[in-house]
Structure formats: structure tokens, C-alpha cells
């Protein structure tokens, strides 16, 4: 596999994102909702770089079902455990490509009446977009390649890799 994003670049960009979020939410305590399983590594590094207090919760959905292509059908696996009504919420996602999953999650959370709802993604594949959804915070824009490492997987493997790699099926 070929390295797409080196760990030094990940660390630098996450620090920049945390600084921007800290400035945007100064005096507030946002709720970060990480989408499992892929976003847990990103979330962990992101919140440790914040200069503000925060609350963390998790949601799990799937649309890949072991494939390298999203099926487009979103399956809800785990809901958040807290009431977000009136709270500032930031969805933390590892990657957005078609946007179908993130659009679904956003609509579900909007029904719960947060004070604000923003999206922070590590990786953005704009060329794959099927719905109009734009993240508020983006780590890196990437081409249409399947990636693993740094929390991202294929068949539940490769999440532990410290960098992001282009994955090629053998």
C-alpha cells in the first residue's frame, strides 16, 4: 500500500482544525459526536488539541457492509446517549464521499433541535458527492481512492496504521 497522508501531516492539520474549532466555540462547550468506528482515532487526537471544554458521544452507522463502495443504504447501529436539544453539536466523521450517510445523520440530529450543528471530517472526496452536503471543517480533500489507516478500515482491518494509505484489492 502507498502512503497518501503521512502522520506528521495528520498531526499538523488536526492541530490546525482544533485551533479553528477552539476559536469558533470560545466560551462554549460543544458536543462532539463521533461516527463509529472510523472516526474514533481522529476524534481522540482532535479533542486533545482543543483549547476549550467539550463533551463526547458516539453514533454508529454503516453503508459499506464490507465493500469498498458505499451501498447508499444507511444502517443505524448505535445512537447517541445524551439529549442534544439546545446544545452546540459537531459531527466528527472520518470520511465523506457520496454524502448519503452524513446527510442522513445530519437530518436525524437536526430533528433533536441542537442550538447549532456543524460537521468536521478528516477526509473529503468531493468528486463522489451525490447529495449537497458541505463539511464545516475539513482535514484533507482527497481524490477518489479507497483509503485505510488512522481509524479507517477494510473488513475491520488496518485501523491501527498510523498513516493513511491508498488501499488496493489484491
Foldseek 3Di string as FASTA:
>chain_A
DAFDFDLVLLLVLLLVLQVVVLVVQPVAAEEEEEEPDQQPLSVVSNVVNHPDHYHYWYWYWAQAVQHLDGVLDIGGDGDTDDQQAQHHYEYEYAEDFQCSHVVVVVVVVVVSHHPYYFYAYAEYADVRHNDDDDGPHYRYYDHPFRKAECRRDRPPPRPPHSGIDGDDDD
